[in-house]
Amino acid sequence: MTKYLHRLTPAKVWLGVIPTLWWNDDFINIDIGIPYEQALSEMALAGYVGCGVGHKYPTDPKILRPVLELRGLRISEPWVSTYFTIKAMNRHTLESVDAQLDFLEAMEGGSDDPRRADLVVAEFGGAVNPLPVALFPNCPEFSEDQWKQLIEGLHAAGEKARARNRRLCYHPHLGTGVMKTEAIHRLMDETDPRLVNMLLDTAHQAAAGVDPLALARKYAHRIKHVHLKDIRAEVVTKIHRGELSFQQGIEAGIFTVPGDGSIETFPEILDALAEADFAGWICVEAEQDPAKANPLQYAKMGREYLRKLLGW
């Protein structure tokens, strides 16, 4: 039963969409040639007010900002892959954090609009999701030294974000060392909640065997950003058997928009966040092959699901 969904209003929750419906940003061969202008127009047409950053976007804020504003869109988040757990990458990682914070300042200027973008990060040191290997049998497990490096690195990145009035949101991601339930709990237990928040990605968590509803209830006050997407259970089963790489899983349709797959607890997940007075971006995502799943059709499907759930 949901008691608090009415608290999620357009005044405090902004519905965005991630451009991986139109192309894939990890595997650029998953692409049917849709230009970024078409993708942005379809995002607006489907009823979203923001979007993540895609690799096809112009990198110059002076070009990108008016293109977004023309369509009533704004950036919900940029992504930074961190590499704190491997050698000689700490400075490079923090420079990447600075670069994305600079980008956001150029995009948003001195605006005090509450819909400010968050900084999304995930540790990709040793990650196997970019590789053509069986996903689950090869996922990294961090040593004690690596955990120490990760926590210290995230705190340094979080300090940078806080100094710019940004929230750093950590994304537990398939194929990485922070994928399983125990690792997610450890990350939350050992990081400073003033510096490191959680991004809840319902599909990455569910596919990893983590209960996204349990996470939402346990960490509701630390979840500041949401990627709302669904899974297809039969594809997840194949990946767990060691038959598929991450890319093969995407091509086989492991992910879809909320309401179109196997996760049945979206109302309860959002209710748990609403009870904790969640305010921020909720972004529909699907990471699908656009040759098999029409992006606009699925973007509208995800938005309609949220309209029925939230009432707007």
Protein backbone atom coordinates (compact mmCIF):
# COMPACT_ATOMS: atom_id res chain seq x y z
CA MET A 1 0.00 0.00 0.00
CA THR A 2 1.31 3.44 -0.88
CA LYS A 3 0.69 6.29 1.56
CA TYR A 4 3.13 8.99 0.55
CA LEU A 5 3.22 9.15 -3.26
CA HIS A 6 1.20 12.37 -3.19
CA ARG A 7 4.31 14.05 -1.77
CA LEU A 8 6.14 13.54 -5.07
CA THR A 9 5.00 16.67 -6.86
CA PRO A 10 6.36 18.55 -9.90
CA ALA A 11 7.55 21.26 -7.52
CA LYS A 12 10.15 18.97 -5.95
CA VAL A 13 10.56 16.02 -8.34
CA TRP A 14 11.72 16.41 -11.93
CA LEU A 15 11.24 13.66 -14.47
CA GLY A 16 14.13 13.14 -16.83
CA VAL A 17 15.20 10.52 -19.33
CA ILE A 18 18.61 9.05 -20.14
CA PRO A 19 19.66 9.07 -23.82
CA THR A 20 20.53 5.36 -23.79
CA LEU A 21 17.07 4.78 -25.26
CA TRP A 22 18.32 6.43 -28.48
CA TRP A 23 21.89 5.05 -28.54
CA ASN A 24 24.29 3.41 -26.12
CA ASP A 25 27.02 5.49 -24.51
CA ASP A 26 29.13 2.50 -23.43
CA PHE A 27 28.91 0.49 -26.64
CA ILE A 28 28.75 3.03 -29.43
CA ASN A 29 28.06 0.36 -32.04
CA ILE A 30 24.56 0.04 -30.53
CA ASP A 31 23.30 2.92 -32.63
CA ILE A 32 21.03 3.39 -35.64
CA GLY A 33 22.21 6.91 -36.39
CA ILE A 34 19.64 9.03 -34.55
CA PRO A 35 21.06 12.57 -34.28
CA TYR A 36 21.10 14.20 -30.87
CA GLU A 37 18.67 16.94 -31.96
CA GLN A 38 16.04 14.31 -32.79
CA ALA A 39 16.63 12.54 -29.48
CA LEU A 40 16.19 15.77 -27.52
CA SER A 41 13.02 16.65 -29.43
CA GLU A 42 11.58 13.22 -28.70
CA MET A 43 12.48 13.53 -25.02
CA ALA A 44 10.49 16.75 -24.84
CA LEU A 45 7.65 15.30 -26.91
CA ALA A 46 7.40 12.36 -24.51
CA GLY A 47 6.92 14.77 -21.61
CA TYR A 48 10.28 14.96 -19.82
CA VAL A 49 11.88 18.11 -18.46
CA GLY A 50 15.49 16.94 -18.34
CA CYS A 51 18.00 14.42 -19.55
CA GLY A 52 21.35 12.86 -18.86
CA VAL A 53 24.41 13.73 -20.96
CA GLY A 54 24.98 11.60 -24.06
CA HIS A 55 28.18 11.20 -26.03
CA LYS A 56 26.56 12.72 -29.13
CA TYR A 57 25.78 16.01 -27.40
CA PRO A 58 27.88 19.07 -28.22
CA THR A 59 30.52 19.50 -25.52
CA ASP A 60 30.43 23.29 -25.72
CA PRO A 61 27.82 24.61 -23.26
CA LYS A 62 27.31 27.67 -25.47
CA ILE A 63 25.96 25.32 -28.15
CA LEU A 64 24.23 22.74 -25.97
CA ARG A 65 22.44 25.07 -23.58
CA PRO A 66 20.25 26.87 -26.17
CA VAL A 67 19.46 23.58 -27.90
CA LEU A 68 18.12 22.22 -24.61
CA GLU A 69 16.31 25.42 -23.66
CA LEU A 70 14.55 25.50 -27.01
CA ARG A 71 12.92 22.19 -26.05
CA GLY A 72 12.27 23.01 -22.40
CA LEU A 73 14.96 20.60 -21.22
CA ARG A 74 17.88 20.83 -18.83
CA ILE A 75 20.68 18.49 -17.80
CA SER A 76 19.84 16.09 -14.96
CA GLU A 77 23.36 14.73 -14.54
CA PRO A 78 26.73 14.19 -16.12
CA TRP A 79 28.59 10.92 -15.54
CA VAL A 80 32.11 10.39 -14.19
CA SER A 81 33.73 6.96 -14.20
CA THR A 82 36.06 6.91 -11.20
CA TYR A 83 39.27 4.86 -11.03
CA PHE A 84 40.32 5.21 -7.42
CA THR A 85 41.03 1.49 -6.93
CA ILE A 86 43.71 1.12 -9.62
CA LYS A 87 47.19 2.59 -9.87
CA ALA A 88 48.10 6.08 -11.04
CA MET A 89 44.51 7.18 -11.74
CA ASN A 90 43.60 9.24 -8.68
CA ARG A 91 44.65 12.61 -10.09
CA HIS A 92 43.08 11.85 -13.48
CA THR A 93 39.80 10.90 -11.79
CA LEU A 94 39.63 14.07 -9.70
CA GLU A 95 40.47 16.15 -12.77
CA SER A 96 37.50 14.50 -14.51
CA VAL A 97 35.31 15.44 -11.55
CA ASP A 98 36.49 19.05 -11.82
CA ALA A 99 35.84 19.08 -15.57
CA GLN A 100 32.25 17.92 -15.16
CA LEU A 101 31.63 20.40 -12.36
CA ASP A 102 32.98 23.15 -14.62
CA PHE A 103 30.65 21.93 -17.37
CA LEU A 104 27.65 22.15 -15.06
CA GLU A 105 28.56 25.64 -13.94
CA ALA A 106 28.75 26.71 -17.58
CA MET A 107 25.40 25.04 -18.32
CA GLU A 108 23.54 26.43 -15.33
CA GLY A 109 25.53 29.53 -14.44
CA GLY A 110 24.64 31.09 -11.11
CA SER A 111 21.06 29.88 -11.24
CA ASP A 112 19.44 29.09 -7.91
CA ASP A 113 16.87 26.89 -9.65
CA PRO A 114 16.35 23.85 -7.40
CA ARG A 115 16.51 21.59 -10.45
CA ARG A 116 20.30 21.69 -10.36
CA ALA A 117 22.03 18.68 -11.88
CA ASP A 118 23.69 16.10 -9.66
CA LEU A 119 27.12 14.58 -10.28
CA VAL A 120 26.81 10.82 -10.89
CA VAL A 121 29.83 8.58 -10.35
CA ALA A 122 30.66 4.87 -10.33
CA GLU A 123 33.96 3.13 -9.65
CA PHE A 124 35.17 1.41 -12.81
CA GLY A 125 38.56 0.27 -11.57
CA GLY A 126 38.72 -3.40 -12.59
CA ALA A 127 35.21 -3.27 -14.03
CA VAL A 128 34.27 -6.02 -16.49
CA ASN A 129 31.06 -4.54 -17.90
CA PRO A 130 32.95 -2.91 -20.82
CA LEU A 131 34.62 -6.23 -21.68
CA PRO A 132 33.42 -9.13 -23.90
CA VAL A 133 33.45 -11.56 -20.97
CA ALA A 134 30.83 -13.33 -18.89
CA LEU A 135 29.60 -10.65 -16.51
CA PHE A 136 28.99 -12.22 -13.11
CA PRO A 137 31.82 -14.78 -12.91
CA ASN A 138 34.38 -12.04 -13.58
CA CYS A 139 33.16 -9.13 -11.45
CA PRO A 140 35.93 -7.62 -9.28
CA GLU A 141 36.04 -7.85 -5.51
CA PHE A 142 38.05 -5.10 -3.85
CA SER A 143 40.87 -5.72 -1.40
CA GLU A 144 41.01 -3.82 1.89
CA ASP A 145 43.50 -1.40 0.36
CA GLN A 146 41.21 -0.81 -2.61
CA TRP A 147 38.27 -0.11 -0.32
CA LYS A 148 40.37 2.43 1.53
CA GLN A 149 41.39 4.10 -1.73
CA LEU A 150 37.80 4.14 -2.95
CA ILE A 151 36.37 5.70 0.21
CA GLU A 152 39.12 8.34 0.37
CA GLY A 153 38.70 9.11 -3.32
CA LEU A 154 34.94 9.45 -3.08
CA HIS A 155 35.31 11.77 -0.10
CA ALA A 156 37.71 13.95 -2.09
CA ALA A 157 35.30 14.01 -5.04
CA GLY A 158 32.39 14.68 -2.71
CA GLU A 159 34.21 17.65 -1.19
CA LYS A 160 34.69 19.08 -4.67
CA ALA A 161 31.00 18.63 -5.46
CA ARG A 162 29.87 20.15 -2.16
CA ALA A 163 32.11 23.17 -2.71
CA ARG A 164 30.13 23.80 -5.91
CA ASN A 165 26.76 23.22 -4.22
CA ARG A 166 26.35 19.89 -5.98
CA ARG A 167 25.37 16.45 -4.74
CA LEU A 168 27.66 13.55 -5.57
CA CYS A 169 25.53 10.44 -6.14
CA TYR A 170 27.14 7.00 -6.29
CA HIS A 171 25.71 4.55 -8.83
CA PRO A 172 26.14 0.85 -7.92
CA HIS A 173 26.68 -0.66 -11.38
CA LEU A 174 26.68 -4.14 -12.89
CA GLY A 175 30.15 -5.46 -13.58
CA THR A 176 31.89 -3.35 -10.94
CA GLY A 177 33.21 -3.89 -7.44
CA VAL A 178 30.17 -2.15 -5.95
CA MET A 179 27.43 -4.31 -7.39
CA LYS A 180 26.43 -6.84 -4.73
CA THR A 181 24.35 -6.14 -1.63
CA GLU A 182 27.28 -6.44 0.80
CA ALA A 183 29.43 -4.04 -1.22
CA ILE A 184 26.65 -1.46 -1.45
CA HIS A 185 26.11 -1.62 2.31
CA ARG A 186 29.83 -1.25 2.94
CA LEU A 187 30.06 1.77 0.66
CA MET A 188 27.18 3.46 2.45
CA ASP A 189 28.48 2.52 5.91
CA GLU A 190 31.99 3.82 5.28
CA THR A 191 31.25 7.03 3.39
CA ASP A 192 30.31 10.37 4.89
CA PRO A 193 26.63 11.06 4.12
CA ARG A 194 27.46 14.76 3.78
CA LEU A 195 29.71 13.94 0.82
CA VAL A 196 28.42 10.75 -0.79
CA ASN A 197 24.79 10.08 -1.66
CA MET A 198 23.29 7.09 -3.47
CA LEU A 199 21.86 6.90 -6.94
CA LEU A 200 19.27 4.13 -6.91
CA ASP A 201 19.22 2.32 -10.25
CA THR A 202 16.34 -0.11 -9.89
CA ALA A 203 17.38 -2.35 -12.80
CA HIS A 204 21.11 -2.56 -12.10
CA GLN A 205 20.31 -3.45 -8.52
CA ALA A 206 17.61 -5.99 -9.38
CA ALA A 207 19.73 -7.63 -12.07
CA ALA A 208 22.59 -8.01 -9.59
CA GLY A 209 20.30 -9.85 -7.18
CA VAL A 210 19.92 -6.82 -4.92
CA ASP A 211 16.44 -5.91 -3.72
CA PRO A 212 15.86 -2.29 -4.86
CA LEU A 213 12.91 -1.90 -2.51
CA ALA A 214 15.02 -2.95 0.49
CA LEU A 215 17.68 -0.43 -0.57
CA ALA A 216 15.08 2.29 -0.99
CA ARG A 217 13.72 1.67 2.49
CA LYS A 218 17.13 1.40 4.18
CA TYR A 219 18.79 4.36 2.46
CA ALA A 220 15.82 6.57 1.62
CA HIS A 221 17.43 9.62 3.23
CA ARG A 222 20.66 9.13 1.24
CA ILE A 223 19.08 8.44 -2.14
CA LYS A 224 19.16 11.77 -3.96
CA HIS A 225 18.89 10.61 -7.59
CA VAL A 226 17.00 7.75 -9.26
CA HIS A 227 17.38 5.85 -12.51
CA LEU A 228 14.06 4.12 -12.93
CA LYS A 229 14.24 1.18 -15.28
CA ASP A 230 12.97 -2.37 -15.47
CA ILE A 231 14.50 -5.78 -16.21
CA ARG A 232 13.51 -8.76 -18.30
CA ALA A 233 13.98 -11.70 -15.96
CA GLU A 234 14.73 -14.27 -18.65
CA VAL A 235 17.73 -12.27 -19.88
CA VAL A 236 18.97 -11.71 -16.33
CA THR A 237 18.87 -15.48 -15.81
CA LYS A 238 21.08 -16.02 -18.86
CA ILE A 239 23.61 -13.49 -17.59
CA HIS A 240 23.70 -15.13 -14.16
CA ARG A 241 24.39 -18.48 -15.81
CA GLY A 242 27.53 -16.92 -17.23
CA GLU A 243 26.30 -17.05 -20.79
CA LEU A 244 26.33 -13.32 -21.64
CA SER A 245 28.55 -10.29 -21.36
CA PHE A 246 27.03 -6.97 -20.36
CA GLN A 247 26.87 -5.83 -23.98
CA GLN A 248 25.25 -9.09 -25.03
CA GLY A 249 22.73 -8.67 -22.21
CA ILE A 250 21.82 -5.20 -23.45
CA GLU A 251 21.47 -6.45 -27.02
CA ALA A 252 19.28 -9.29 -25.76
CA GLY A 253 16.99 -6.82 -23.98
CA ILE A 254 17.94 -7.12 -20.31
CA PHE A 255 16.57 -3.62 -19.64
CA THR A 256 13.35 -1.81 -20.46
CA VAL A 257 11.38 1.15 -19.16
CA PRO A 258 9.51 0.92 -15.83
CA GLY A 259 6.30 -1.03 -16.02
CA ASP A 260 7.37 -3.12 -19.02
CA GLY A 261 9.41 -5.78 -17.24
CA SER A 262 9.66 -7.94 -14.13
CA ILE A 263 10.05 -5.43 -11.29
CA GLU A 264 6.73 -5.14 -9.48
CA THR A 265 7.70 -2.87 -6.60
CA PHE A 266 8.04 0.54 -8.29
CA PRO A 267 5.08 2.01 -6.36
CA GLU A 268 6.54 0.88 -3.04
CA ILE A 269 10.04 2.09 -3.99
CA LEU A 270 8.78 5.56 -4.83
CA ASP A 271 6.58 5.55 -1.74
CA ALA A 272 9.61 4.86 0.47
CA LEU A 273 11.43 7.79 -1.12
CA ALA A 274 8.38 10.02 -0.76
CA GLU A 275 8.14 9.17 2.93
CA ALA A 276 11.70 10.45 3.29
CA ASP A 277 10.72 13.69 1.48
CA PHE A 278 12.73 12.90 -1.64
CA ALA A 279 13.43 15.90 -3.83
CA GLY A 280 15.43 15.57 -7.02
CA TRP A 281 15.65 13.87 -10.38
CA ILE A 282 13.85 10.65 -11.25
CA CYS A 283 15.06 9.58 -14.69
CA VAL A 284 13.56 6.90 -16.88
CA GLU A 285 16.20 4.73 -18.50
CA ALA A 286 16.21 1.60 -20.62
CA GLU A 287 19.65 0.96 -22.25
CA GLN A 288 18.00 -0.76 -25.19
CA ASP A 289 19.00 -1.39 -28.79
CA PRO A 290 17.07 1.28 -30.74
CA ALA A 291 16.90 -1.08 -33.72
CA LYS A 292 14.71 -3.37 -31.61
CA ALA A 293 12.92 -0.88 -29.32
CA ASN A 294 11.66 2.37 -30.83
CA PRO A 295 13.08 5.07 -28.53
CA LEU A 296 10.15 7.49 -28.67
CA GLN A 297 7.65 4.68 -28.13
CA TYR A 298 9.47 3.46 -25.03
CA ALA A 299 10.13 6.98 -23.72
CA LYS A 300 6.40 7.67 -23.91
CA MET A 301 5.65 4.30 -22.32
CA GLY A 302 7.87 5.08 -19.32
CA ARG A 303 6.41 8.56 -18.95
CA GLU A 304 2.85 7.23 -19.09
CA TYR A 305 3.66 4.68 -16.41
CA LEU A 306 4.86 7.47 -14.12
CA ARG A 307 1.83 9.58 -14.98
CA LYS A 308 -0.47 6.77 -13.82
CA LEU A 309 1.61 6.22 -10.70
CA LEU A 310 2.12 9.84 -9.66
CA GLY A 311 -0.97 11.43 -11.12
CA TRP A 312 0.95 13.94 -13.26
